[in-house]
Amino acid sequence: MKTMADIRRIIDLYDLHKSYRRVARELKISKNTVKKYVLKVKDVQGGLADEILPKNREITQPSRVLTEPVRQNIHEHLESNLERPKKQRITAKRIWELLVEDGHRIGYSSVKNEVVRWKRTNAPREVFILQEPRVGQRAEFDWGELHSALEEHGRNCILLFSSCPFHSIDLPAFIIGRRIWK
């Protein structure tokens, strides 16, 4: 909603240019906004309306569909999920379907947003703890198969690899397996 000073500026420019589009471009507002206020001023001048800006403007908002009982219902479904295995948990879409079956008029995105809000505060989180072992306490070990092709013959080797976090030396080892002929 514009102030009376804004409306006065719109009317002055309209009286000067006689074009909704030009006034809108100059003030960087919608052409429909210019037209609305110009017509309101004309109605007041012609005696069809009492005021340009209503003093007690009533705003009627649609009723909210995500009421407290609906929110509680969503939370109950999510809390029952905590006890179920991961593959058997109920999804936001299924919760929405259950609410619609119960007669609630609610959109899927409203349910999904509530599920996301609930999960941020209540859902268990996967946590990784950085391990800082003492010197000499821990080593890492891995292995794999390695195929080397030298000249006409190929060999399979098993590669063993060990590493200690506090040493700059990594220790690879090869165990030569059976010979493979091409």
N, C-alpha and C. Protein backbone atom coordinates (compact mmCIF):
# COMPACT_ATOMS: atom_id res chain seq x y z
N MET A 1 0.84 -1.17 0.00
CA MET A 1 0.00 0.00 0.00
C MET A 1 0.89 1.23 0.00
N LYS A 2 0.50 2.18 -0.77
CA LYS A 2 1.26 3.43 -0.92
C LYS A 2 0.79 4.45 0.12
N THR A 3 1.69 5.40 0.40
CA THR A 3 1.33 6.50 1.31
C THR A 3 0.66 7.61 0.49
N MET A 4 0.11 8.58 1.18
CA MET A 4 -0.54 9.70 0.47
C MET A 4 0.47 10.48 -0.37
N ALA A 5 1.72 10.57 0.10
CA ALA A 5 2.74 11.27 -0.68
C ALA A 5 3.02 10.52 -1.99
N ASP A 6 3.06 9.18 -1.92
CA ASP A 6 3.27 8.37 -3.12
C ASP A 6 2.10 8.55 -4.09
N ILE A 7 0.89 8.54 -3.56
CA ILE A 7 -0.30 8.69 -4.40
C ILE A 7 -0.31 10.08 -5.05
N ARG A 8 0.07 11.12 -4.28
CA ARG A 8 0.12 12.48 -4.83
C ARG A 8 1.12 12.53 -5.99
N ARG A 9 2.27 11.86 -5.83
CA ARG A 9 3.31 11.83 -6.89
C ARG A 9 2.76 11.11 -8.13
N ILE A 10 2.04 10.00 -7.94
CA ILE A 10 1.45 9.27 -9.06
C ILE A 10 0.46 10.16 -9.81
N ILE A 11 -0.41 10.86 -9.07
CA ILE A 11 -1.43 11.71 -9.69
C ILE A 11 -0.78 12.88 -10.44
N ASP A 12 0.25 13.50 -9.82
CA ASP A 12 0.93 14.62 -10.48
C ASP A 12 1.56 14.17 -11.81
N LEU A 13 2.23 13.03 -11.79
CA LEU A 13 2.86 12.53 -13.02
C LEU A 13 1.81 12.13 -14.06
N TYR A 14 0.70 11.58 -13.59
CA TYR A 14 -0.36 11.19 -14.52
C TYR A 14 -0.99 12.44 -15.16
N ASP A 15 -1.18 13.46 -14.36
CA ASP A 15 -1.72 14.72 -14.91
C ASP A 15 -0.77 15.32 -15.94
N LEU A 16 0.53 15.13 -15.72
CA LEU A 16 1.54 15.66 -16.63
C LEU A 16 1.62 14.86 -17.92
N HIS A 17 1.69 13.52 -17.81
CA HIS A 17 1.94 12.68 -18.98
C HIS A 17 0.69 12.03 -19.57
N LYS A 18 -0.35 11.85 -18.78
CA LYS A 18 -1.60 11.20 -19.22
C LYS A 18 -1.36 9.77 -19.72
N SER A 19 -0.39 9.07 -19.11
CA SER A 19 -0.08 7.70 -19.52
C SER A 19 0.27 6.85 -18.29
N TYR A 20 -0.50 5.77 -18.11
CA TYR A 20 -0.21 4.85 -16.99
C TYR A 20 1.18 4.23 -17.15
N ARG A 21 1.49 3.83 -18.36
CA ARG A 21 2.75 3.15 -18.62
C ARG A 21 3.95 4.05 -18.33
N ARG A 22 3.88 5.29 -18.77
CA ARG A 22 5.00 6.21 -18.58
C ARG A 22 5.21 6.52 -17.09
N VAL A 23 4.13 6.70 -16.35
CA VAL A 23 4.23 6.95 -14.91
C VAL A 23 4.82 5.72 -14.21
N ALA A 24 4.34 4.56 -14.60
CA ALA A 24 4.84 3.31 -14.00
C ALA A 24 6.33 3.14 -14.26
N ARG A 25 6.76 3.41 -15.48
CA ARG A 25 8.17 3.28 -15.83
C ARG A 25 9.02 4.28 -15.04
N GLU A 26 8.53 5.50 -14.90
CA GLU A 26 9.28 6.53 -14.20
C GLU A 26 9.40 6.25 -12.70
N LEU A 27 8.34 5.73 -12.10
CA LEU A 27 8.35 5.45 -10.65
C LEU A 27 8.80 4.02 -10.34
N LYS A 28 8.98 3.21 -11.39
CA LYS A 28 9.39 1.81 -11.24
C LYS A 28 8.38 1.02 -10.40
N ILE A 29 7.12 1.18 -10.76
CA ILE A 29 6.04 0.41 -10.13
C ILE A 29 5.18 -0.17 -11.25
N SER A 30 4.26 -1.01 -10.88
CA SER A 30 3.39 -1.65 -11.86
C SER A 30 2.42 -0.66 -12.48
N LYS A 31 2.12 -0.90 -13.75
CA LYS A 31 1.13 -0.07 -14.45
C LYS A 31 -0.24 -0.22 -13.79
N ASN A 32 -0.54 -1.42 -13.29
CA ASN A 32 -1.82 -1.65 -12.61
C ASN A 32 -1.93 -0.86 -11.32
N THR A 33 -0.79 -0.68 -10.62
CA THR A 33 -0.79 0.13 -9.39
C THR A 33 -1.12 1.58 -9.72
N VAL A 34 -0.50 2.11 -10.77
CA VAL A 34 -0.78 3.49 -11.19
C VAL A 34 -2.26 3.63 -11.52
N LYS A 35 -2.77 2.70 -12.30
CA LYS A 35 -4.17 2.76 -12.73
C LYS A 35 -5.12 2.69 -11.52
N LYS A 36 -4.79 1.80 -10.57
CA LYS A 36 -5.64 1.64 -9.39
C LYS A 36 -5.77 2.95 -8.62
N TYR A 37 -4.65 3.63 -8.36
CA TYR A 37 -4.70 4.86 -7.57
C TYR A 37 -5.29 6.03 -8.36
N VAL A 38 -5.04 6.08 -9.65
CA VAL A 38 -5.65 7.14 -10.46
C VAL A 38 -7.17 6.99 -10.45
N LEU A 39 -7.65 5.76 -10.61
CA LEU A 39 -9.10 5.52 -10.61
C LEU A 39 -9.71 5.78 -9.23
N LYS A 40 -8.98 5.44 -8.15
CA LYS A 40 -9.48 5.72 -6.80
C LYS A 40 -9.63 7.23 -6.58
N VAL A 41 -8.65 8.00 -7.02
CA VAL A 41 -8.72 9.45 -6.86
C VAL A 41 -9.89 10.01 -7.66
N LYS A 42 -10.10 9.51 -8.88
CA LYS A 42 -11.23 9.96 -9.70
C LYS A 42 -12.57 9.62 -9.04
N ASP A 43 -12.64 8.42 -8.40
CA ASP A 43 -13.86 8.03 -7.70
C ASP A 43 -14.15 8.96 -6.53
N VAL A 44 -13.11 9.33 -5.78
CA VAL A 44 -13.28 10.24 -4.64
C VAL A 44 -13.70 11.62 -5.15
N GLN A 45 -13.08 12.09 -6.23
CA GLN A 45 -13.44 13.40 -6.80
C GLN A 45 -14.86 13.40 -7.36
N GLY A 46 -15.28 12.26 -7.90
CA GLY A 46 -16.62 12.16 -8.46
C GLY A 46 -17.69 11.85 -7.43
N GLY A 47 -17.30 11.61 -6.17
CA GLY A 47 -18.25 11.33 -5.10
C GLY A 47 -18.68 9.87 -5.01
N LEU A 48 -18.02 8.99 -5.76
CA LEU A 48 -18.38 7.57 -5.72
C LEU A 48 -17.75 6.84 -4.54
N ALA A 49 -16.66 7.40 -4.00
CA ALA A 49 -15.99 6.79 -2.84
C ALA A 49 -15.71 7.88 -1.82
N ASP A 50 -15.55 7.45 -0.55
CA ASP A 50 -15.33 8.42 0.52
C ASP A 50 -13.85 8.73 0.75
N GLU A 51 -13.00 7.77 0.53
CA GLU A 51 -11.59 7.96 0.84
C GLU A 51 -10.71 7.16 -0.11
N ILE A 52 -9.50 7.64 -0.30
CA ILE A 52 -8.54 6.96 -1.17
C ILE A 52 -7.92 5.80 -0.41
N LEU A 53 -7.43 6.09 0.79
CA LEU A 53 -6.85 5.05 1.65
C LEU A 53 -7.80 4.77 2.79
N PRO A 54 -8.35 3.57 2.87
CA PRO A 54 -9.28 3.28 3.97
C PRO A 54 -8.56 3.32 5.32
N LYS A 55 -9.27 3.87 6.32
CA LYS A 55 -8.67 3.99 7.66
C LYS A 55 -8.60 2.64 8.36
N ASN A 56 -9.66 1.89 8.31
CA ASN A 56 -9.72 0.59 8.98
C ASN A 56 -9.82 -0.51 7.92
N ARG A 57 -8.71 -0.76 7.32
CA ARG A 57 -8.69 -1.77 6.27
C ARG A 57 -8.66 -3.15 6.91
N GLU A 58 -9.65 -3.96 6.61
CA GLU A 58 -9.71 -5.32 7.15
C GLU A 58 -9.03 -6.27 6.19
N ILE A 59 -8.11 -7.04 6.73
CA ILE A 59 -7.42 -8.03 5.92
C ILE A 59 -7.99 -9.40 6.29
N THR A 60 -8.53 -10.06 5.31
CA THR A 60 -9.06 -11.40 5.58
C THR A 60 -8.08 -12.41 5.03
N GLN A 61 -7.50 -13.18 5.93
CA GLN A 61 -6.56 -14.23 5.54
C GLN A 61 -7.30 -15.55 5.52
N PRO A 62 -6.92 -16.41 4.59
CA PRO A 62 -7.53 -17.73 4.60
C PRO A 62 -7.12 -18.48 5.87
N SER A 63 -7.98 -19.37 6.30
CA SER A 63 -7.65 -20.11 7.52
C SER A 63 -6.43 -20.98 7.29
N ARG A 64 -5.63 -21.07 8.28
CA ARG A 64 -4.41 -21.87 8.20
C ARG A 64 -4.78 -23.35 8.25
N VAL A 65 -4.15 -24.12 7.38
CA VAL A 65 -4.46 -25.55 7.35
C VAL A 65 -3.52 -26.34 8.24
N LEU A 66 -2.37 -25.78 8.55
CA LEU A 66 -1.43 -26.47 9.43
C LEU A 66 -1.71 -26.05 10.86
N THR A 67 -2.84 -26.52 11.37
CA THR A 67 -3.25 -26.19 12.74
C THR A 67 -2.47 -27.05 13.72
N GLU A 68 -2.60 -26.76 14.99
CA GLU A 68 -1.88 -27.51 16.01
C GLU A 68 -2.26 -28.99 16.03
N PRO A 69 -3.55 -29.35 15.92
CA PRO A 69 -3.87 -30.79 15.87
C PRO A 69 -3.26 -31.51 14.66
N VAL A 70 -3.20 -30.84 13.52
CA VAL A 70 -2.59 -31.45 12.33
C VAL A 70 -1.08 -31.60 12.56
N ARG A 71 -0.47 -30.56 13.14
CA ARG A 71 0.96 -30.63 13.44
C ARG A 71 1.26 -31.78 14.41
N GLN A 72 0.42 -31.95 15.42
CA GLN A 72 0.60 -33.05 16.38
C GLN A 72 0.49 -34.40 15.68
N ASN A 73 -0.46 -34.51 14.76
CA ASN A 73 -0.65 -35.75 14.00
C ASN A 73 0.61 -36.09 13.20
N ILE A 74 1.18 -35.08 12.54
CA ILE A 74 2.42 -35.28 11.77
C ILE A 74 3.54 -35.73 12.69
N HIS A 75 3.67 -35.08 13.85
CA HIS A 75 4.73 -35.42 14.80
C HIS A 75 4.57 -36.84 15.34
N GLU A 76 3.33 -37.27 15.57
CA GLU A 76 3.10 -38.64 16.05
C GLU A 76 3.58 -39.66 15.02
N HIS A 77 3.29 -39.40 13.76
CA HIS A 77 3.77 -40.31 12.70
C HIS A 77 5.29 -40.34 12.67
N LEU A 78 5.91 -39.19 12.81
CA LEU A 78 7.37 -39.13 12.75
C LEU A 78 8.02 -39.80 13.96
N GLU A 79 7.39 -39.65 15.13
CA GLU A 79 7.93 -40.29 16.33
C GLU A 79 7.81 -41.81 16.25
N SER A 80 6.74 -42.29 15.61
CA SER A 80 6.62 -43.74 15.44
C SER A 80 7.66 -44.26 14.44
N ASN A 81 8.15 -43.40 13.57
CA ASN A 81 9.20 -43.78 12.62
C ASN A 81 10.51 -44.13 13.31
N LEU A 82 10.77 -43.50 14.44
CA LEU A 82 12.05 -43.71 15.12
C LEU A 82 12.25 -45.16 15.53
N GLU A 83 11.16 -45.87 15.78
CA GLU A 83 11.25 -47.26 16.23
C GLU A 83 11.35 -48.24 15.06
N ARG A 84 11.01 -47.81 13.87
CA ARG A 84 10.98 -48.70 12.71
C ARG A 84 12.34 -48.77 12.02
N PRO A 85 12.58 -49.90 11.33
CA PRO A 85 13.80 -49.96 10.50
C PRO A 85 13.72 -48.91 9.38
N LYS A 86 14.86 -48.50 8.86
CA LYS A 86 14.92 -47.39 7.92
C LYS A 86 14.06 -47.61 6.68
N LYS A 87 14.03 -48.81 6.16
CA LYS A 87 13.26 -49.09 4.94
C LYS A 87 11.75 -49.12 5.19
N GLN A 88 11.33 -49.24 6.43
CA GLN A 88 9.90 -49.34 6.75
C GLN A 88 9.33 -48.03 7.30
N ARG A 89 10.10 -46.98 7.27
CA ARG A 89 9.61 -45.71 7.81
C ARG A 89 8.62 -45.06 6.88
N ILE A 90 7.71 -44.31 7.47
CA ILE A 90 6.67 -43.63 6.71
C ILE A 90 7.25 -42.33 6.14
N THR A 91 6.92 -42.03 4.91
CA THR A 91 7.46 -40.84 4.24
C THR A 91 6.52 -39.65 4.42
N ALA A 92 7.02 -38.47 4.08
CA ALA A 92 6.20 -37.25 4.16
C ALA A 92 5.00 -37.37 3.22
N LYS A 93 5.20 -38.00 2.07
CA LYS A 93 4.10 -38.15 1.12
C LYS A 93 3.01 -39.04 1.71
N ARG A 94 3.41 -40.12 2.38
CA ARG A 94 2.42 -41.03 2.99
C ARG A 94 1.69 -40.34 4.14
N ILE A 95 2.41 -39.52 4.92
CA ILE A 95 1.76 -38.77 6.00
C ILE A 95 0.71 -37.84 5.40
N TRP A 96 1.07 -37.17 4.30
CA TRP A 96 0.13 -36.27 3.63
C TRP A 96 -1.10 -37.05 3.15
N GLU A 97 -0.88 -38.23 2.55
CA GLU A 97 -2.00 -39.05 2.07
C GLU A 97 -2.92 -39.44 3.23
N LEU A 98 -2.33 -39.79 4.39
CA LEU A 98 -3.14 -40.16 5.56
C LEU A 98 -3.95 -38.96 6.06
N LEU A 99 -3.36 -37.78 6.05
CA LEU A 99 -4.09 -36.59 6.48
C LEU A 99 -5.24 -36.26 5.54
N VAL A 100 -5.01 -36.41 4.24
CA VAL A 100 -6.07 -36.15 3.26
C VAL A 100 -7.19 -37.18 3.42
N GLU A 101 -6.83 -38.44 3.69
CA GLU A 101 -7.84 -39.48 3.93
C GLU A 101 -8.68 -39.17 5.16
N ASP A 102 -8.06 -38.52 6.16
CA ASP A 102 -8.77 -38.14 7.38
C ASP A 102 -9.66 -36.91 7.17
N GLY A 103 -9.58 -36.29 6.00
CA GLY A 103 -10.45 -35.15 5.70
C GLY A 103 -9.80 -33.79 5.85
N HIS A 104 -8.50 -33.75 6.12
CA HIS A 104 -7.81 -32.46 6.24
C HIS A 104 -7.51 -31.93 4.85
N ARG A 105 -7.71 -30.63 4.67
CA ARG A 105 -7.37 -29.99 3.40
C ARG A 105 -6.02 -29.31 3.58
N ILE A 106 -4.97 -30.03 3.22
CA ILE A 106 -3.60 -29.53 3.41
C ILE A 106 -2.78 -29.94 2.20
N GLY A 107 -1.84 -29.09 1.83
CA GLY A 107 -0.98 -29.37 0.69
C GLY A 107 0.21 -30.22 1.09
N TYR A 108 0.74 -30.91 0.10
CA TYR A 108 1.90 -31.78 0.34
C TYR A 108 3.10 -30.96 0.80
N SER A 109 3.31 -29.79 0.22
CA SER A 109 4.48 -28.98 0.59
C SER A 109 4.40 -28.52 2.04
N SER A 110 3.20 -28.28 2.55
CA SER A 110 3.06 -27.90 3.96
C SER A 110 3.49 -29.04 4.87
N VAL A 111 3.09 -30.26 4.51
CA VAL A 111 3.48 -31.43 5.31
C VAL A 111 4.99 -31.64 5.20
N LYS A 112 5.51 -31.53 4.00
CA LYS A 112 6.95 -31.75 3.79
C LYS A 112 7.77 -30.74 4.58
N ASN A 113 7.36 -29.48 4.58
CA ASN A 113 8.09 -28.45 5.34
C ASN A 113 8.05 -28.72 6.83
N GLU A 114 6.91 -29.20 7.33
CA GLU A 114 6.81 -29.52 8.76
C GLU A 114 7.69 -30.71 9.10
N VAL A 115 7.76 -31.70 8.22
CA VAL A 115 8.64 -32.86 8.44
C VAL A 115 10.09 -32.41 8.50
N VAL A 116 10.49 -31.52 7.61
CA VAL A 116 11.87 -31.02 7.62
C VAL A 116 12.16 -30.27 8.91
N ARG A 117 11.23 -29.43 9.37
CA ARG A 117 11.42 -28.70 10.64
C ARG A 117 11.56 -29.67 11.81
N TRP A 118 10.73 -30.71 11.82
CA TRP A 118 10.77 -31.68 12.92
C TRP A 118 12.10 -32.44 12.91
N LYS A 119 12.54 -32.83 11.72
CA LYS A 119 13.79 -33.61 11.62
C LYS A 119 15.00 -32.80 12.04
N ARG A 120 14.97 -31.49 11.80
CA ARG A 120 16.11 -30.65 12.21
C ARG A 120 16.32 -30.68 13.71
N THR A 121 15.24 -30.78 14.46
CA THR A 121 15.36 -30.68 15.91
C THR A 121 15.24 -32.03 16.62
N ASN A 122 14.52 -33.00 16.05
CA ASN A 122 14.22 -34.22 16.79
C ASN A 122 14.83 -35.50 16.25
N ALA A 123 15.13 -35.56 14.98
CA ALA A 123 15.59 -36.81 14.39
C ALA A 123 17.01 -37.13 14.84
N PRO A 124 17.31 -38.43 15.00
CA PRO A 124 18.69 -38.80 15.34
C PRO A 124 19.61 -38.46 14.18
N ARG A 125 20.79 -38.03 14.51
CA ARG A 125 21.75 -37.62 13.49
C ARG A 125 22.89 -38.62 13.42
N GLU A 126 23.46 -38.77 12.23
CA GLU A 126 24.64 -39.59 12.08
C GLU A 126 25.84 -38.72 12.40
N VAL A 127 26.64 -39.16 13.34
CA VAL A 127 27.74 -38.34 13.83
C VAL A 127 29.05 -39.08 13.61
N PHE A 128 30.06 -38.38 13.15
CA PHE A 128 31.38 -38.94 12.98
C PHE A 128 32.31 -38.25 13.95
N ILE A 129 33.06 -39.03 14.69
CA ILE A 129 33.97 -38.48 15.68
C ILE A 129 35.39 -38.63 15.16
N LEU A 130 36.09 -37.53 15.09
CA LEU A 130 37.47 -37.54 14.64
C LEU A 130 38.31 -38.25 15.70
N GLN A 131 39.03 -39.25 15.25
CA GLN A 131 39.86 -40.01 16.18
C GLN A 131 41.28 -39.45 16.14
N GLU A 132 41.82 -39.24 17.30
CA GLU A 132 43.20 -38.79 17.41
C GLU A 132 43.94 -39.75 18.33
N PRO A 133 44.43 -40.85 17.75
CA PRO A 133 45.10 -41.85 18.59
C PRO A 133 46.47 -41.35 19.06
N ARG A 134 46.94 -41.97 20.13
CA ARG A 134 48.27 -41.63 20.62
C ARG A 134 49.31 -42.26 19.70
N VAL A 135 50.52 -41.74 19.75
CA VAL A 135 51.60 -42.23 18.91
C VAL A 135 51.81 -43.72 19.16
N GLY A 136 51.85 -44.49 18.06
CA GLY A 136 52.10 -45.93 18.16
C GLY A 136 50.86 -46.75 18.50
N GLN A 137 49.71 -46.13 18.63
CA GLN A 137 48.52 -46.85 19.04
C GLN A 137 47.75 -47.42 17.87
N ARG A 138 47.87 -46.83 16.70
CA ARG A 138 47.01 -47.23 15.60
C ARG A 138 47.77 -47.28 14.29
N ALA A 139 47.40 -48.27 13.45
CA ALA A 139 47.94 -48.36 12.10
C ALA A 139 46.80 -48.76 11.17
N GLU A 140 46.93 -48.38 9.92
CA GLU A 140 45.93 -48.74 8.92
C GLU A 140 46.52 -49.78 7.99
N PHE A 141 45.67 -50.70 7.55
CA PHE A 141 46.14 -51.81 6.73
C PHE A 141 45.12 -52.07 5.63
N ASP A 142 45.60 -52.30 4.41
CA ASP A 142 44.71 -52.59 3.30
C ASP A 142 45.41 -53.54 2.35
N TRP A 143 44.66 -54.22 1.50
CA TRP A 143 45.25 -55.13 0.53
C TRP A 143 44.38 -55.16 -0.72
N GLY A 144 44.96 -55.67 -1.79
CA GLY A 144 44.25 -55.78 -3.05
C GLY A 144 45.05 -56.62 -4.02
N GLU A 145 44.48 -56.88 -5.19
CA GLU A 145 45.15 -57.69 -6.19
C GLU A 145 45.72 -56.77 -7.26
N LEU A 146 46.92 -57.08 -7.71
CA LEU A 146 47.61 -56.27 -8.69
C LEU A 146 48.03 -57.17 -9.84
N HIS A 147 47.76 -56.76 -11.05
CA HIS A 147 48.17 -57.53 -12.23
C HIS A 147 49.24 -56.74 -12.94
N SER A 148 50.40 -57.35 -13.13
CA SER A 148 51.49 -56.68 -13.84
C SER A 148 51.76 -57.43 -15.13
N ALA A 149 51.97 -56.70 -16.19
CA ALA A 149 52.26 -57.30 -17.49
C ALA A 149 53.68 -56.92 -17.89
N LEU A 150 54.61 -57.81 -17.73
CA LEU A 150 56.00 -57.57 -18.09
C LEU A 150 56.33 -58.45 -19.30
N GLU A 151 56.83 -57.83 -20.32
CA GLU A 151 57.15 -58.51 -21.58
C GLU A 151 55.97 -59.35 -22.04
N GLU A 152 56.17 -60.65 -22.23
CA GLU A 152 55.11 -61.51 -22.72
C GLU A 152 54.35 -62.17 -21.57
N HIS A 153 54.91 -62.09 -20.40
CA HIS A 153 54.32 -62.81 -19.27
C HIS A 153 53.60 -61.82 -18.36
N GLY A 154 52.56 -62.31 -17.74
CA GLY A 154 51.86 -61.50 -16.77
C GLY A 154 51.90 -62.16 -15.41
N ARG A 155 51.88 -61.39 -14.38
CA ARG A 155 51.89 -61.93 -13.03
C ARG A 155 50.79 -61.27 -12.20
N ASN A 156 50.18 -62.06 -11.34
CA ASN A 156 49.27 -61.53 -10.34
C ASN A 156 50.02 -61.42 -9.04
N CYS A 157 49.86 -60.28 -8.41
CA CYS A 157 50.48 -60.06 -7.11
C CYS A 157 49.42 -59.60 -6.14
N ILE A 158 49.64 -59.89 -4.92
CA ILE A 158 48.78 -59.33 -3.88
C ILE A 158 49.55 -58.17 -3.27
N LEU A 159 48.90 -57.04 -3.23
CA LEU A 159 49.52 -55.84 -2.70
C LEU A 159 49.04 -55.64 -1.27
N LEU A 160 49.96 -55.54 -0.36
CA LEU A 160 49.66 -55.24 1.04
C LEU A 160 50.18 -53.85 1.32
N PHE A 161 49.41 -53.07 2.05
CA PHE A 161 49.79 -51.70 2.31
C PHE A 161 49.48 -51.37 3.75
N SER A 162 50.46 -50.87 4.47
CA SER A 162 50.22 -50.45 5.86
C SER A 162 50.72 -49.02 6.03
N SER A 163 50.04 -48.33 6.92
CA SER A 163 50.35 -46.92 7.13
C SER A 163 50.12 -46.59 8.60
N CYS A 164 51.01 -45.79 9.15
CA CYS A 164 50.85 -45.30 10.52
C CYS A 164 50.64 -43.79 10.44
N PRO A 165 49.65 -43.27 11.17
CA PRO A 165 49.34 -41.85 11.05
C PRO A 165 50.45 -40.90 11.49
N PHE A 166 51.39 -41.38 12.32
CA PHE A 166 52.42 -40.47 12.84
C PHE A 166 53.77 -40.67 12.17
N HIS A 167 53.81 -41.49 11.11
CA HIS A 167 55.06 -41.71 10.38
C HIS A 167 54.87 -41.24 8.96
N SER A 168 55.91 -40.72 8.38
CA SER A 168 55.82 -40.26 7.00
C SER A 168 56.11 -41.39 6.02
N ILE A 169 56.42 -42.57 6.52
CA ILE A 169 56.76 -43.69 5.65
C ILE A 169 55.57 -44.64 5.59
N ASP A 170 55.12 -44.94 4.35
CA ASP A 170 54.09 -45.95 4.13
C ASP A 170 54.79 -47.22 3.67
N LEU A 171 54.33 -48.36 4.11
CA LEU A 171 55.01 -49.61 3.84
C LEU A 171 54.21 -50.51 2.91
N PRO A 172 54.54 -50.47 1.59
CA PRO A 172 53.88 -51.42 0.69
C PRO A 172 54.66 -52.73 0.65
N ALA A 173 53.97 -53.81 0.39
CA ALA A 173 54.62 -55.12 0.24
C ALA A 173 53.91 -55.88 -0.87
N PHE A 174 54.65 -56.64 -1.67
CA PHE A 174 54.08 -57.42 -2.75
C PHE A 174 54.30 -58.89 -2.46
N ILE A 175 53.27 -59.67 -2.64
CA ILE A 175 53.39 -61.12 -2.56
C ILE A 175 53.10 -61.64 -3.95
N ILE A 176 54.08 -62.29 -4.54
CA ILE A 176 53.96 -62.73 -5.92
C ILE A 176 53.13 -64.00 -5.95
N GLY A 177 52.11 -63.99 -6.80
CA GLY A 177 51.21 -65.14 -6.92
C GLY A 177 51.62 -66.00 -8.09
N ARG A 178 50.68 -66.73 -8.62
CA ARG A 178 50.97 -67.66 -9.72
C ARG A 178 51.17 -66.90 -11.03
N ARG A 179 51.88 -67.52 -11.94
CA ARG A 179 52.20 -66.92 -13.22
C ARG A 179 51.04 -67.12 -14.19
N ILE A 180 50.70 -66.08 -14.95
CA ILE A 180 49.63 -66.16 -15.94
C ILE A 180 50.26 -65.99 -17.31
N TRP A 181 50.07 -66.94 -18.18
CA TRP A 181 50.62 -66.88 -19.54
C TRP A 181 49.58 -66.35 -20.47
N LYS A 182 49.97 -65.56 -21.44
CA LYS A 182 49.05 -65.02 -22.42
C LYS A 182 48.94 -65.95 -23.61
